[in-house]
PDB file of all heavy atoms in Angstrom:
ATOM      1  N   GLY A   1     123.419 178.842  32.684  1.00  0.00           N
ATOM      2  CA  GLY A   1     124.629 179.518  33.090  1.00  0.00           C
ATOM      3  C   GLY A   1     125.916 178.901  32.595  1.00  0.00           C
ATOM      4  O   GLY A   1     126.999 179.374  32.962  1.00  0.00           O
ATOM      5  N   LYS A   2     125.828 177.861  31.766  1.00  0.00           N
ATOM      6  CA  LYS A   2     127.014 177.193  31.268  1.00  0.00           C
ATOM      7  C   LYS A   2     127.064 177.240  29.745  1.00  0.00           C
ATOM      8  O   LYS A   2     126.056 177.480  29.086  1.00  0.00           O
ATOM      9  CB  LYS A   2     127.051 175.739  31.738  1.00  0.00           C
ATOM     10  CG  LYS A   2     127.137 175.577  33.246  1.00  0.00           C
ATOM     11  CD  LYS A   2     127.236 174.118  33.633  1.00  0.00           C
ATOM     12  CE  LYS A   2     127.349 173.954  35.140  1.00  0.00           C
ATOM     13  NZ  LYS A   2     127.433 172.517  35.523  1.00  0.00           N
ATOM     14  N   GLU A   3     128.251 177.003  29.194  1.00  0.00           N
ATOM     15  CA  GLU A   3     128.424 176.988  27.756  1.00  0.00           C
ATOM     16  C   GLU A   3     127.893 175.695  27.162  1.00  0.00           C
ATOM     17  O   GLU A   3     127.804 174.661  27.837  1.00  0.00           O
ATOM     18  CB  GLU A   3     129.897 177.165  27.386  1.00  0.00           C
ATOM     19  CG  GLU A   3     130.472 178.523  27.747  1.00  0.00           C
ATOM     20  CD  GLU A   3     131.878 178.721  27.231  1.00  0.00           C
ATOM     21  OE1 GLU A   3     132.485 177.746  26.743  1.00  0.00           O
ATOM     22  OE2 GLU A   3     132.370 179.856  27.299  1.00  0.00           O
ATOM     23  N   ARG A   4     127.552 175.763  25.893  1.00  0.00           N
ATOM     24  CA  ARG A   4     127.113 174.580  25.174  1.00  0.00           C
ATOM     25  C   ARG A   4     128.239 173.554  25.109  1.00  0.00           C
ATOM     26  O   ARG A   4     129.397 173.908  24.869  1.00  0.00           O
ATOM     27  CB  ARG A   4     126.667 174.978  23.764  1.00  0.00           C
ATOM     28  CG  ARG A   4     126.060 173.854  22.946  1.00  0.00           C
ATOM     29  CD  ARG A   4     125.645 174.379  21.588  1.00  0.00           C
ATOM     30  NE  ARG A   4     126.782 174.919  20.862  1.00  0.00           N
ATOM     31  CZ  ARG A   4     126.684 175.713  19.795  1.00  0.00           C
ATOM     32  NH1 ARG A   4     125.489 176.076  19.350  1.00  0.00           N
ATOM     33  NH2 ARG A   4     127.774 176.141  19.187  1.00  0.00           N
ATOM     34  N   GLU A   5     127.905 172.295  25.304  1.00  0.00           N
ATOM     35  CA  GLU A   5     128.881 171.222  25.397  1.00  0.00           C
ATOM     36  C   GLU A   5     128.551 170.116  24.409  1.00  0.00           C
ATOM     37  O   GLU A   5     127.407 169.662  24.332  1.00  0.00           O
ATOM     38  CB  GLU A   5     128.886 170.651  26.824  1.00  0.00           C
ATOM     39  CG  GLU A   5     129.750 169.418  27.027  1.00  0.00           C
ATOM     40  CD  GLU A   5     129.536 168.773  28.383  1.00  0.00           C
ATOM     41  OE1 GLU A   5     128.477 168.997  28.997  1.00  0.00           O
ATOM     42  OE2 GLU A   5     130.446 168.040  28.832  1.00  0.00           O
ATOM     43  N   LEU A   6     129.558 169.662  23.669  1.00  0.00           N
ATOM     44  CA  LEU A   6     129.385 168.497  22.806  1.00  0.00           C
ATOM     45  C   LEU A   6     129.333 167.247  23.663  1.00  0.00           C
ATOM     46  O   LEU A   6     130.252 166.976  24.442  1.00  0.00           O
ATOM     47  CB  LEU A   6     130.532 168.406  21.798  1.00  0.00           C
ATOM     48  CG  LEU A   6     130.544 167.171  20.893  1.00  0.00           C
ATOM     49  CD1 LEU A   6     129.308 167.130  20.003  1.00  0.00           C
ATOM     50  CD2 LEU A   6     131.813 167.142  20.041  1.00  0.00           C
ATOM     51  N   VAL A   7     128.272 166.475  23.516  1.00  0.00           N
ATOM     52  CA  VAL A   7     128.063 165.280  24.323  1.00  0.00           C
ATOM     53  C   VAL A   7     128.477 164.023  23.573  1.00  0.00           C
ATOM     54  O   VAL A   7     129.156 163.153  24.121  1.00  0.00           O
ATOM     55  CB  VAL A   7     126.590 165.165  24.763  1.00  0.00           C
ATOM     56  CG1 VAL A   7     126.361 163.882  25.559  1.00  0.00           C
ATOM     57  CG2 VAL A   7     126.195 166.386  25.584  1.00  0.00           C
ATOM     58  N   ALA A   8     128.056 163.904  22.317  1.00  0.00           N
ATOM     59  CA  ALA A   8     128.320 162.696  21.544  1.00  0.00           C
ATOM     60  C   ALA A   8     128.220 162.986  20.062  1.00  0.00           C
ATOM     61  O   ALA A   8     127.547 163.926  19.640  1.00  0.00           O
ATOM     62  CB  ALA A   8     127.342 161.580  21.922  1.00  0.00           C
ATOM     63  N   GLY A   9     128.898 162.183  19.259  1.00  0.00           N
ATOM     64  CA  GLY A   9     128.830 162.290  17.816  1.00  0.00           C
ATOM     65  C   GLY A   9     128.925 160.925  17.169  1.00  0.00           C
ATOM     66  O   GLY A   9     129.485 159.996  17.754  1.00  0.00           O
ATOM     67  N   VAL A  10     128.378 160.814  15.970  1.00  0.00           N
ATOM     68  CA  VAL A  10     128.438 159.574  15.205  1.00  0.00           C
ATOM     69  C   VAL A  10     128.646 159.911  13.735  1.00  0.00           C
ATOM     70  O   VAL A  10     128.041 160.855  13.216  1.00  0.00           O
ATOM     71  CB  VAL A  10     127.170 158.713  15.417  1.00  0.00           C
ATOM     72  CG1 VAL A  10     125.906 159.462  15.016  1.00  0.00           C
ATOM     73  CG2 VAL A  10     127.273 157.392  14.671  1.00  0.00           C
ATOM     74  N   THR A  11     129.515 159.160  13.055  1.00  0.00           N
ATOM     75  CA  THR A  11     129.793 159.392  11.647  1.00  0.00           C
ATOM     76  C   THR A  11     128.579 159.082  10.786  1.00  0.00           C
ATOM     77  O   THR A  11     127.600 158.490  11.237  1.00  0.00           O
ATOM     78  CB  THR A  11     130.985 158.547  11.183  1.00  0.00           C
ATOM     79  OG1 THR A  11     130.763 157.178  11.515  1.00  0.00           O
ATOM     80  CG2 THR A  11     132.271 159.021  11.848  1.00  0.00           C
ATOM     81  N   ASN A  12     128.661 159.490   9.514  1.00  0.00           N
ATOM     82  CA  ASN A  12     127.505 159.378   8.636  1.00  0.00           C
ATOM     83  C   ASN A  12     127.020 157.944   8.452  1.00  0.00           C
ATOM     84  O   ASN A  12     125.822 157.712   8.263  1.00  0.00           O
ATOM     85  CB  ASN A  12     127.809 160.006   7.279  1.00  0.00           C
ATOM     86  CG  ASN A  12     128.930 159.289   6.539  1.00  0.00           C
ATOM     87  OD1 ASN A  12     130.033 159.133   7.055  1.00  0.00           O
ATOM     88  ND2 ASN A  12     128.652 158.860   5.312  1.00  0.00           N
ATOM     89  N   ASP A  13     127.943 156.987   8.508  1.00  0.00           N
ATOM     90  CA  ASP A  13     127.574 155.584   8.331  1.00  0.00           C
ATOM     91  C   ASP A  13     127.373 154.845   9.656  1.00  0.00           C
ATOM     92  O   ASP A  13     127.120 153.638   9.656  1.00  0.00           O
ATOM     93  CB  ASP A  13     128.619 154.849   7.485  1.00  0.00           C
ATOM     94  CG  ASP A  13     129.991 154.818   8.135  1.00  0.00           C
ATOM     95  OD1 ASP A  13     130.178 155.436   9.194  1.00  0.00           O
ATOM     96  OD2 ASP A  13     130.889 154.173   7.567  1.00  0.00           O
ATOM     97  N   GLY A  14     127.508 155.566  10.763  1.00  0.00           N
ATOM     98  CA  GLY A  14     127.353 154.954  12.069  1.00  0.00           C
ATOM     99  C   GLY A  14     128.547 154.156  12.534  1.00  0.00           C
ATOM    100  O   GLY A  14     128.483 153.524  13.597  1.00  0.00           O
ATOM    101  N   GLY A  15     129.656 154.198  11.792  1.00  0.00           N
ATOM    102  CA  GLY A  15     130.789 153.350  12.087  1.00  0.00           C
ATOM    103  C   GLY A  15     131.654 153.782  13.250  1.00  0.00           C
ATOM    104  O   GLY A  15     132.313 152.951  13.872  1.00  0.00           O
ATOM    105  N   LYS A  16     131.678 155.070  13.529  1.00  0.00           N
ATOM    106  CA  LYS A  16     132.497 155.587  14.611  1.00  0.00           C
ATOM    107  C   LYS A  16     131.679 156.521  15.478  1.00  0.00           C
ATOM    108  O   LYS A  16     130.869 157.291  14.981  1.00  0.00           O
ATOM    109  CB  LYS A  16     133.733 156.314  14.074  1.00  0.00           C
ATOM    110  CG  LYS A  16     134.725 155.414  13.352  1.00  0.00           C
ATOM    111  CD  LYS A  16     135.945 156.195  12.910  1.00  0.00           C
ATOM    112  CE  LYS A  16     136.955 155.289  12.230  1.00  0.00           C
ATOM    113  NZ  LYS A  16     138.166 156.044  11.797  1.00  0.00           N
ATOM    114  N   LYS A  17     131.933 156.448  16.777  1.00  0.00           N
ATOM    115  CA  LYS A  17     131.240 157.280  17.751  1.00  0.00           C
ATOM    116  C   LYS A  17     132.242 157.892  18.709  1.00  0.00           C
ATOM    117  O   LYS A  17     133.297 157.326  18.966  1.00  0.00           O
ATOM    118  CB  LYS A  17     130.217 156.445  18.531  1.00  0.00           C
ATOM    119  CG  LYS A  17     129.199 155.738  17.651  1.00  0.00           C
ATOM    120  CD  LYS A  17     128.340 154.789  18.458  1.00  0.00           C
ATOM    121  CE  LYS A  17     127.370 154.031  17.567  1.00  0.00           C
ATOM    122  NZ  LYS A  17     126.529 153.085  18.352  1.00  0.00           N
ATOM    123  N   ASN A  18     131.897 159.056  19.243  1.00  0.00           N
ATOM    124  CA  ASN A  18     132.726 159.655  20.269  1.00  0.00           C
ATOM    125  C   ASN A  18     131.843 160.294  21.321  1.00  0.00           C
ATOM    126  O   ASN A  18     130.696 160.657  21.048  1.00  0.00           O
ATOM    127  CB  ASN A  18     133.717 160.673  19.681  1.00  0.00           C
ATOM    128  CG  ASN A  18     133.030 161.868  19.067  1.00  0.00           C
ATOM    129  OD1 ASN A  18     132.625 161.850  17.903  1.00  0.00           O
ATOM    130  ND2 ASN A  18     132.900 162.936  19.848  1.00  0.00           N
ATOM    131  N   TYR A  19     132.404 160.435  22.539  1.00  0.00           N
ATOM    132  CA  TYR A  19     131.638 160.912  23.672  1.00  0.00           C
ATOM    133  C   TYR A  19     132.468 161.852  24.522  1.00  0.00           C
ATOM    134  O   TYR A  19     133.694 161.727  24.610  1.00  0.00           O
ATOM    135  CB  TYR A  19     131.189 159.743  24.552  1.00  0.00           C
ATOM    136  CG  TYR A  19     130.344 158.724  23.846  1.00  0.00           C
ATOM    137  CD1 TYR A  19     130.921 157.604  23.255  1.00  0.00           C
ATOM    138  CD2 TYR A  19     128.964 158.885  23.774  1.00  0.00           C
ATOM    139  CE1 TYR A  19     130.145 156.666  22.607  1.00  0.00           C
ATOM    140  CE2 TYR A  19     128.187 157.942  23.126  1.00  0.00           C
ATOM    141  CZ  TYR A  19     128.777 156.837  22.544  1.00  0.00           C
ATOM    142  OH  TYR A  19     127.996 155.907  21.908  1.00  0.00           O
ATOM    143  N   ALA A  20     131.796 162.780  25.166  1.00  0.00           N
ATOM    144  CA  ALA A  20     132.443 163.564  26.198  1.00  0.00           C
ATOM    145  C   ALA A  20     132.826 162.648  27.354  1.00  0.00           C
ATOM    146  O   ALA A  20     132.125 161.677  27.659  1.00  0.00           O
ATOM    147  CB  ALA A  20     131.514 164.665  26.691  1.00  0.00           C
ATOM    148  N   GLY A  21     133.942 162.961  28.004  1.00  0.00           N
ATOM    149  CA  GLY A  21     134.398 162.120  29.097  1.00  0.00           C
ATOM    150  C   GLY A  21     133.382 161.977  30.218  1.00  0.00           C
ATOM    151  O   GLY A  21     133.312 160.926  30.872  1.00  0.00           O
ATOM    152  N   SER A  22     132.578 163.004  30.425  1.00  0.00           N
ATOM    153  CA  SER A  22     131.617 162.985  31.517  1.00  0.00           C
ATOM    154  C   SER A  22     130.463 162.017  31.296  1.00  0.00           C
ATOM    155  O   SER A  22     129.768 161.660  32.249  1.00  0.00           O
ATOM    156  CB  SER A  22     131.062 164.395  31.748  1.00  0.00           C
ATOM    157  OG  SER A  22     130.429 164.886  30.580  1.00  0.00           O
ATOM    158  N   VAL A  23     130.248 161.587  30.055  1.00  0.00           N
ATOM    159  CA  VAL A  23     129.126 160.695  29.756  1.00  0.00           C
ATOM    160  C   VAL A  23     129.571 159.341  29.220  1.00  0.00           C
ATOM    161  O   VAL A  23     128.735 158.433  29.083  1.00  0.00           O
ATOM    162  CB  VAL A  23     128.137 161.334  28.761  1.00  0.00           C
ATOM    163  CG1 VAL A  23     127.702 162.707  29.242  1.00  0.00           C
ATOM    164  CG2 VAL A  23     128.732 161.414  27.359  1.00  0.00           C
ATOM    165  N   LYS A  24     130.838 159.192  28.918  1.00  0.00           N
ATOM    166  CA  LYS A  24     131.343 157.940  28.357  1.00  0.00           C
ATOM    167  C   LYS A  24     131.047 156.774  29.298  1.00  0.00           C
ATOM    168  O   LYS A  24     131.306 156.841  30.496  1.00  0.00           O
ATOM    169  CB  LYS A  24     132.845 158.038  28.106  1.00  0.00           C
ATOM    170  CG  LYS A  24     133.412 156.889  27.284  1.00  0.00           C
ATOM    171  CD  LYS A  24     134.879 157.131  26.969  1.00  0.00           C
ATOM    172  CE  LYS A  24     135.468 156.021  26.125  1.00  0.00           C
ATOM    173  NZ  LYS A  24     134.830 155.956  24.784  1.00  0.00           N
ATOM    174  N   GLY A  25     130.489 155.721  28.745  1.00  0.00           N
ATOM    175  CA  GLY A  25     130.094 154.566  29.525  1.00  0.00           C
ATOM    176  C   GLY A  25     128.670 154.611  30.011  1.00  0.00           C
ATOM    177  O   GLY A  25     128.130 153.578  30.432  1.00  0.00           O
ATOM    178  N   ARG A  26     128.051 155.792  29.967  1.00  0.00           N
ATOM    179  CA  ARG A  26     126.661 155.938  30.397  1.00  0.00           C
ATOM    180  C   ARG A  26     125.718 156.239  29.236  1.00  0.00           C
ATOM    181  O   ARG A  26     124.567 155.813  29.256  1.00  0.00           O
ATOM    182  CB  ARG A  26     126.533 157.053  31.433  1.00  0.00           C
ATOM    183  CG  ARG A  26     127.321 156.814  32.705  1.00  0.00           C
ATOM    184  CD  ARG A  26     126.967 157.845  33.774  1.00  0.00           C
ATOM    185  NE  ARG A  26     127.341 159.195  33.365  1.00  0.00           N
ATOM    186  CZ  ARG A  26     126.490 160.214  33.256  1.00  0.00           C
ATOM    187  NH1 ARG A  26     125.203 160.039  33.528  1.00  0.00           N
ATOM    188  NH2 ARG A  26     126.913 161.413  32.887  1.00  0.00           N
ATOM    189  N   PHE A  27     126.195 156.999  28.247  1.00  0.00           N
ATOM    190  CA  PHE A  27     125.375 157.403  27.106  1.00  0.00           C
ATOM    191  C   PHE A  27     125.804 156.633  25.864  1.00  0.00           C
ATOM    192  O   PHE A  27     126.985 156.327  25.679  1.00  0.00           O
ATOM    193  CB  PHE A  27     125.534 158.898  26.821  1.00  0.00           C
ATOM    194  CG  PHE A  27     124.940 159.826  27.850  1.00  0.00           C
ATOM    195  CD1 PHE A  27     124.490 159.367  29.081  1.00  0.00           C
ATOM    196  CD2 PHE A  27     124.837 161.181  27.564  1.00  0.00           C
ATOM    197  CE1 PHE A  27     123.960 160.233  30.017  1.00  0.00           C
ATOM    198  CE2 PHE A  27     124.302 162.052  28.494  1.00  0.00           C
ATOM    199  CZ  PHE A  27     123.861 161.588  29.724  1.00  0.00           C
ATOM    200  N   THR A  28     124.846 156.364  24.981  1.00  0.00           N
ATOM    201  CA  THR A  28     125.119 155.692  23.724  1.00  0.00           C
ATOM    202  C   THR A  28     124.381 156.391  22.592  1.00  0.00           C
ATOM    203  O   THR A  28     123.155 156.483  22.616  1.00  0.00           O
ATOM    204  CB  THR A  28     124.695 154.215  23.771  1.00  0.00           C
ATOM    205  OG1 THR A  28     125.343 153.550  24.857  1.00  0.00           O
ATOM    206  CG2 THR A  28     125.073 153.522  22.466  1.00  0.00           C
ATOM    207  N   ILE A  29     125.132 156.881  21.600  1.00  0.00           N
ATOM    208  CA  ILE A  29     124.537 157.499  20.426  1.00  0.00           C
ATOM    209  C   ILE A  29     124.397 156.451  19.328  1.00  0.00           C
ATOM    210  O   ILE A  29     125.232 155.555  19.198  1.00  0.00           O
ATOM    211  CB  ILE A  29     125.374 158.702  19.936  1.00  0.00           C
ATOM    212  CG1 ILE A  29     124.631 159.483  18.838  1.00  0.00           C
ATOM    213  CG2 ILE A  29     126.753 158.259  19.451  1.00  0.00           C
ATOM    214  CD1 ILE A  29     125.312 160.794  18.461  1.00  0.00           C
ATOM    215  N   SER A  30     123.343 156.556  18.535  1.00  0.00           N
ATOM    216  CA  SER A  30     123.140 155.656  17.413  1.00  0.00           C
ATOM    217  C   SER A  30     122.329 156.364  16.341  1.00  0.00           C
ATOM    218  O   SER A  30     121.734 157.408  16.591  1.00  0.00           O
ATOM    219  CB  SER A  30     122.448 154.362  17.855  1.00  0.00           C
ATOM    220  OG  SER A  30     121.168 154.633  18.401  1.00  0.00           O
ATOM    221  N   ARG A  31     122.307 155.793  15.144  1.00  0.00           N
ATOM    222  CA  ARG A  31     121.519 156.373  14.067  1.00  0.00           C
ATOM    223  C   ARG A  31     120.938 155.284  13.188  1.00  0.00           C
ATOM    224  O   ARG A  31     121.480 154.174  13.095  1.00  0.00           O
ATOM    225  CB  ARG A  31     122.360 157.346  13.223  1.00  0.00           C
ATOM    226  CG  ARG A  31     123.471 156.688  12.415  1.00  0.00           C
ATOM    227  CD  ARG A  31     124.386 157.745  11.788  1.00  0.00           C
ATOM    228  NE  ARG A  31     123.703 158.554  10.791  1.00  0.00           N
ATOM    229  CZ  ARG A  31     124.139 159.734  10.362  1.00  0.00           C
ATOM    230  NH1 ARG A  31     125.264 160.252  10.864  1.00  0.00           N
ATOM    231  NH2 ARG A  31     123.458 160.398   9.438  1.00  0.00           N
ATOM    232  N   ASP A  32     119.825 155.620  12.545  1.00  0.00           N
ATOM    233  CA  ASP A  32     119.156 154.737  11.607  1.00  0.00           C
ATOM    234  C   ASP A  32     118.944 155.548  10.336  1.00  0.00           C
ATOM    235  O   ASP A  32     118.045 156.385  10.270  1.00  0.00           O
ATOM    236  CB  ASP A  32     117.828 154.254  12.186  1.00  0.00           C
ATOM    237  CG  ASP A  32     117.110 153.260  11.300  1.00  0.00           C
ATOM    238  OD1 ASP A  32     117.342 153.251  10.068  1.00  0.00           O
ATOM    239  OD2 ASP A  32     116.302 152.476  11.825  1.00  0.00           O
ATOM    240  N   ASN A  33     119.802 155.327   9.343  1.00  0.00           N
ATOM    241  CA  ASN A  33     119.753 156.149   8.140  1.00  0.00           C
ATOM    242  C   ASN A  33     118.506 155.898   7.303  1.00  0.00           C
ATOM    243  O   ASN A  33     118.049 156.781   6.586  1.00  0.00           O
ATOM    244  CB  ASN A  33     121.011 155.931   7.301  1.00  0.00           C
ATOM    245  CG  ASN A  33     122.219 156.638   7.875  1.00  0.00           C
ATOM    246  OD1 ASN A  33     122.111 157.409   8.832  1.00  0.00           O
ATOM    247  ND2 ASN A  33     123.385 156.382   7.294  1.00  0.00           N
ATOM    248  N   ARG A  34     117.975 154.691   7.376  1.00  0.00           N
ATOM    249  CA  ARG A  34     116.745 154.403   6.643  1.00  0.00           C
ATOM    250  C   ARG A  34     115.583 155.212   7.189  1.00  0.00           C
ATOM    251  O   ARG A  34     114.771 155.751   6.432  1.00  0.00           O
ATOM    252  CB  ARG A  34     116.435 152.915   6.700  1.00  0.00           C
ATOM    253  CG  ARG A  34     115.168 152.529   5.961  1.00  0.00           C
ATOM    254  CD  ARG A  34     114.893 151.055   6.093  1.00  0.00           C
ATOM    255  NE  ARG A  34     113.630 150.672   5.466  1.00  0.00           N
ATOM    256  CZ  ARG A  34     113.094 149.477   5.534  1.00  0.00           C
ATOM    257  NH1 ARG A  34     113.708 148.516   6.213  1.00  0.00           N
ATOM    258  NH2 ARG A  34     111.939 149.226   4.927  1.00  0.00           N
ATOM    259  N   ARG A  35     115.483 155.284   8.510  1.00  0.00           N
ATOM    260  CA  ARG A  35     114.409 156.037   9.153  1.00  0.00           C
ATOM    261  C   ARG A  35     114.756 157.498   9.352  1.00  0.00           C
ATOM    262  O   ARG A  35     113.897 158.274   9.798  1.00  0.00           O
ATOM    263  CB  ARG A  35     114.068 155.403  10.503  1.00  0.00           C
ATOM    264  CG  ARG A  35     113.546 153.987  10.416  1.00  0.00           C
ATOM    265  CD  ARG A  35     113.125 153.485  11.790  1.00  0.00           C
ATOM    266  NE  ARG A  35     112.014 154.262  12.313  1.00  0.00           N
ATOM    267  CZ  ARG A  35     111.917 154.686  13.566  1.00  0.00           C
ATOM    268  NH1 ARG A  35     112.876 154.407  14.437  1.00  0.00           N
ATOM    269  NH2 ARG A  35     110.860 155.380  13.960  1.00  0.00           N
ATOM    270  N   ARG A  36     116.003 157.898   9.049  1.00  0.00           N
ATOM    271  CA  ARG A  36     116.468 159.270   9.244  1.00  0.00           C
ATOM    272  C   ARG A  36     116.289 159.707  10.695  1.00  0.00           C
ATOM    273  O   ARG A  36     115.725 160.772  10.990  1.00  0.00           O
ATOM    274  CB  ARG A  36     115.755 160.221   8.279  1.00  0.00           C
ATOM    275  CG  ARG A  36     116.102 159.976   6.821  1.00  0.00           C
ATOM    276  CD  ARG A  36     115.152 160.718   5.882  1.00  0.00           C
ATOM    277  NE  ARG A  36     113.824 160.149   5.918  1.00  0.00           N
ATOM    278  CZ  ARG A  36     112.701 160.845   6.032  1.00  0.00           C
ATOM    279  NH1 ARG A  36     112.740 162.167   6.101  1.00  0.00           N
ATOM    280  NH2 ARG A  36     111.533 160.222   6.053  1.00  0.00           N
TER     281      ARG A  36
END
């Protein structure tokens, strides 16, 4: 019953991350480009 919400994002090199205010401090996004 709710709209789609952006939760987190990470740049292509993993250098910068951003979070929705509702999850900031609780959620952590990360990436491993070698393992895709």
